[in-house]
Amino acid sequence: MKIIAIGAVTAGGKTTVVNALKARLPRTASLHFDDYSFDGEPDDLTKWVGKGEEFYNVWDLSPLKADVEKIISSGEYDHLLLDYPFAYRNKMMKDYLDCCIFIDTPLDIAMARRVLRDMKDASADDIRNEMSTYLNFARPCYVQMLEDILPDSDYVIDGAKDLEEIISEVTEIIVKC
């Protein structure tokens, strides 16, 4: 079985791509990082920006690791897709990964997707406050991911491309892995 991590910034397309691939590839399972709560998860990510390996290893990914091991031992699948943001950076997970793919979505596109997805019913003031928070606090986290995770990945896909083109490229990579 091959384990492939799909990474991107928030709203960069990880979940959409993983779900589309799972529907198209037979004998494929998926796990999604956002479905878990982890011990050690920082309350304020901005305080951890720039801390390198220390940041990625403060997260205790035991619940995710246990689920990966269950899927491996089941023998039911050819592929496990992880909607997972850390590539090879977390020591608990890195030895399980056969391939890491990063969807390099421009930050303006990711932000627009996030606002459209998460703030459908928000007021203009709520959206302005979110933009201020992004500019003053969250953006450095996104940039840090581009500096750390993108180059740590085996493949980089242009996240500004059409979804079908991204899925096609990722499928070709998975076949090679």
Protein backbone atom coordinates (compact mmCIF):
# COMPACT_ATOMS: atom_id res chain seq x y z
CA MET A 1 0.00 0.00 0.00
CA LYS A 2 1.17 3.51 -0.83
CA ILE A 3 0.56 6.39 1.54
CA ILE A 4 0.37 9.77 -0.14
CA ALA A 5 0.15 13.05 1.74
CA ILE A 6 -1.63 15.93 0.01
CA GLY A 7 -0.70 19.30 1.47
CA ALA A 8 -1.62 22.94 0.83
CA VAL A 9 -2.35 26.09 2.78
CA THR A 10 -5.80 26.44 4.33
CA ALA A 11 -8.40 26.40 1.52
CA GLY A 12 -5.68 25.40 -0.92
CA GLY A 13 -7.66 22.40 -2.18
CA LYS A 14 -6.41 19.47 -0.07
CA THR A 15 -9.80 18.11 0.94
CA THR A 16 -11.40 18.66 -2.46
CA VAL A 17 -8.57 16.83 -4.23
CA VAL A 18 -8.42 13.97 -1.72
CA ASN A 19 -12.18 13.41 -1.90
CA ALA A 20 -12.17 13.49 -5.71
CA LEU A 21 -9.25 11.05 -5.90
CA LYS A 22 -10.83 8.70 -3.38
CA ALA A 23 -13.98 8.58 -5.51
CA ARG A 24 -11.96 7.79 -8.66
CA LEU A 25 -9.26 5.41 -7.44
CA PRO A 26 -10.38 1.92 -6.46
CA ARG A 27 -9.23 0.50 -3.13
CA THR A 28 -8.36 3.94 -1.77
CA ALA A 29 -8.91 5.18 1.78
CA SER A 30 -8.47 8.69 3.12
CA LEU A 31 -7.83 10.40 6.42
CA HIS A 32 -8.27 14.11 7.03
CA PHE A 33 -6.07 16.03 9.46
CA ASP A 34 -8.90 18.43 10.33
CA ASP A 35 -11.03 15.54 11.64
CA TYR A 36 -8.69 15.13 14.62
CA SER A 37 -7.82 16.94 17.83
CA PHE A 38 -4.19 16.52 18.81
CA ASP A 39 -2.37 16.96 22.08
CA GLY A 40 0.29 19.63 21.82
CA GLU A 41 -1.62 21.55 19.18
CA PRO A 42 -0.58 25.20 19.66
CA ASP A 43 -3.30 27.58 20.83
CA ASP A 44 -1.66 30.44 18.95
CA LEU A 45 -0.01 29.33 15.72
CA THR A 46 1.55 32.73 15.15
CA LYS A 47 3.80 32.24 18.20
CA TRP A 48 5.21 29.11 16.57
CA VAL A 49 5.97 30.58 13.14
CA GLY A 50 9.63 30.23 12.32
CA LYS A 51 10.36 27.61 14.98
CA GLY A 52 11.15 24.97 12.33
CA GLU A 53 11.12 21.34 13.38
CA GLU A 54 10.07 22.34 16.90
CA PHE A 55 6.71 23.51 15.55
CA TYR A 56 5.94 20.42 13.50
CA ASN A 57 6.90 18.01 16.27
CA VAL A 58 4.98 19.67 19.11
CA TRP A 59 1.85 18.07 17.63
CA ASP A 60 1.22 14.57 19.03
CA LEU A 61 -0.23 12.83 15.99
CA SER A 62 -0.86 9.52 17.80
CA PRO A 63 -4.57 9.35 16.83
CA LEU A 64 -3.75 9.84 13.15
CA LYS A 65 -0.86 7.37 13.35
CA ALA A 66 -3.14 4.76 14.97
CA ASP A 67 -5.69 5.14 12.16
CA VAL A 68 -2.95 4.85 9.52
CA GLU A 69 -1.76 1.64 11.16
CA LYS A 70 -5.32 0.24 11.23
CA ILE A 71 -5.74 0.92 7.52
CA ILE A 72 -2.35 -0.63 6.73
CA SER A 73 -3.13 -3.75 8.74
CA SER A 74 -6.57 -4.15 7.16
CA GLY A 75 -5.01 -5.08 3.83
CA GLU A 76 -8.09 -3.67 2.07
CA TYR A 77 -6.48 -0.76 0.25
CA ASP A 78 -3.87 0.00 -2.38
CA HIS A 79 -3.64 3.69 -1.46
CA LEU A 80 -4.12 5.81 1.60
CA LEU A 81 -4.54 9.52 0.90
CA LEU A 82 -3.78 11.85 3.77
CA ASP A 83 -5.26 15.34 3.74
CA TYR A 84 -2.28 16.41 5.81
CA PRO A 85 -0.35 19.69 6.08
CA PHE A 86 3.12 18.70 7.34
CA ALA A 87 4.71 16.56 4.56
CA TYR A 88 7.76 14.86 6.11
CA ARG A 89 8.17 17.37 8.97
CA ASN A 90 6.46 15.46 11.80
CA LYS A 91 8.65 12.63 13.16
CA MET A 92 5.64 10.45 14.05
CA MET A 93 4.33 10.37 10.49
CA LYS A 94 7.30 10.82 8.15
CA ASP A 95 8.29 7.14 7.95
CA TYR A 96 4.78 6.16 6.85
CA LEU A 97 4.76 8.48 3.86
CA ASP A 98 5.67 7.20 0.41
CA CYS A 99 5.04 10.48 -1.34
CA CYS A 100 4.15 14.07 -0.46
CA ILE A 101 2.34 16.31 -2.93
CA PHE A 102 1.91 20.02 -2.28
CA ILE A 103 -0.82 21.99 -4.01
CA ASP A 104 0.72 25.44 -4.40
CA THR A 105 -2.38 27.60 -4.35
CA PRO A 106 -1.76 31.35 -4.55
CA LEU A 107 -2.65 32.95 -1.22
CA ASP A 108 -5.23 35.28 -2.76
CA ILE A 109 -7.10 32.33 -4.26
CA ALA A 110 -6.92 30.38 -0.99
CA MET A 111 -8.23 33.40 0.93
CA ALA A 112 -11.09 33.96 -1.52
CA ARG A 113 -12.04 30.28 -1.26
CA ARG A 114 -11.90 30.42 2.53
CA VAL A 115 -14.13 33.49 2.71
CA LEU A 116 -16.61 32.00 0.24
CA ARG A 117 -16.60 28.66 2.07
CA ASP A 118 -16.54 29.75 5.71
CA MET A 119 -18.17 33.17 5.72
CA LYS A 120 -21.26 32.73 3.56
CA ASP A 121 -23.53 34.36 6.14
CA ALA A 122 -20.99 36.75 7.66
CA SER A 123 -21.53 40.47 7.85
CA ALA A 124 -19.26 42.91 6.05
CA ASP A 125 -17.76 43.84 9.44
CA ASP A 126 -17.02 40.16 10.17
CA ILE A 127 -15.29 39.81 6.81
CA ARG A 128 -13.27 43.00 7.36
CA ASN A 129 -12.23 41.73 10.80
CA GLU A 130 -11.19 38.39 9.30
CA MET A 131 -9.12 40.16 6.64
CA SER A 132 -7.42 42.24 9.31
CA THR A 133 -6.66 39.12 11.36
CA TYR A 134 -5.28 37.44 8.26
CA LEU A 135 -3.00 40.34 7.38
CA ASN A 136 -1.79 40.94 10.96
CA PHE A 137 -1.50 37.37 12.27
CA ALA A 138 -2.40 34.46 10.00
CA ARG A 139 -0.56 35.34 6.80
CA PRO A 140 2.88 34.64 8.32
CA CYS A 141 1.66 31.08 9.04
CA TYR A 142 0.67 30.61 5.40
CA VAL A 143 4.00 32.02 4.21
CA GLN A 144 5.89 29.75 6.63
CA MET A 145 4.12 26.75 5.14
CA LEU A 146 5.27 27.81 1.67
CA GLU A 147 8.82 28.12 3.00
CA ASP A 148 8.86 24.78 4.87
CA ILE A 149 6.34 22.32 3.43
CA LEU A 150 6.44 23.16 -0.27
CA PRO A 151 10.20 22.42 -0.63
CA ASP A 152 9.87 19.37 1.66
CA SER A 153 7.34 17.81 -0.72
CA ASP A 154 8.20 15.40 -3.52
CA TYR A 155 5.88 17.06 -6.04
CA VAL A 156 4.36 20.53 -6.36
CA ILE A 157 1.15 21.11 -8.29
CA ASP A 158 -0.04 24.54 -9.44
CA GLY A 159 -3.14 25.17 -7.32
CA ALA A 160 -4.40 27.87 -9.68
CA LYS A 161 -5.13 25.26 -12.35
CA ASP A 162 -8.56 23.84 -13.05
CA LEU A 163 -9.60 21.15 -10.54
CA GLU A 164 -9.79 18.43 -13.21
CA GLU A 165 -6.25 19.25 -14.33
CA ILE A 166 -4.99 19.10 -10.73
CA ILE A 167 -6.70 15.75 -10.16
CA SER A 168 -5.23 14.39 -13.39
CA GLU A 169 -1.70 15.48 -12.42
CA VAL A 170 -2.02 14.06 -8.91
CA THR A 171 -3.38 10.78 -10.28
CA GLU A 172 -0.33 10.46 -12.57
CA ILE A 173 1.95 11.08 -9.59
CA ILE A 174 0.16 8.48 -7.46
CA VAL A 175 0.64 5.88 -10.20
CA LYS A 176 4.39 6.66 -10.19
CA CYS A 177 4.81 6.61 -6.39
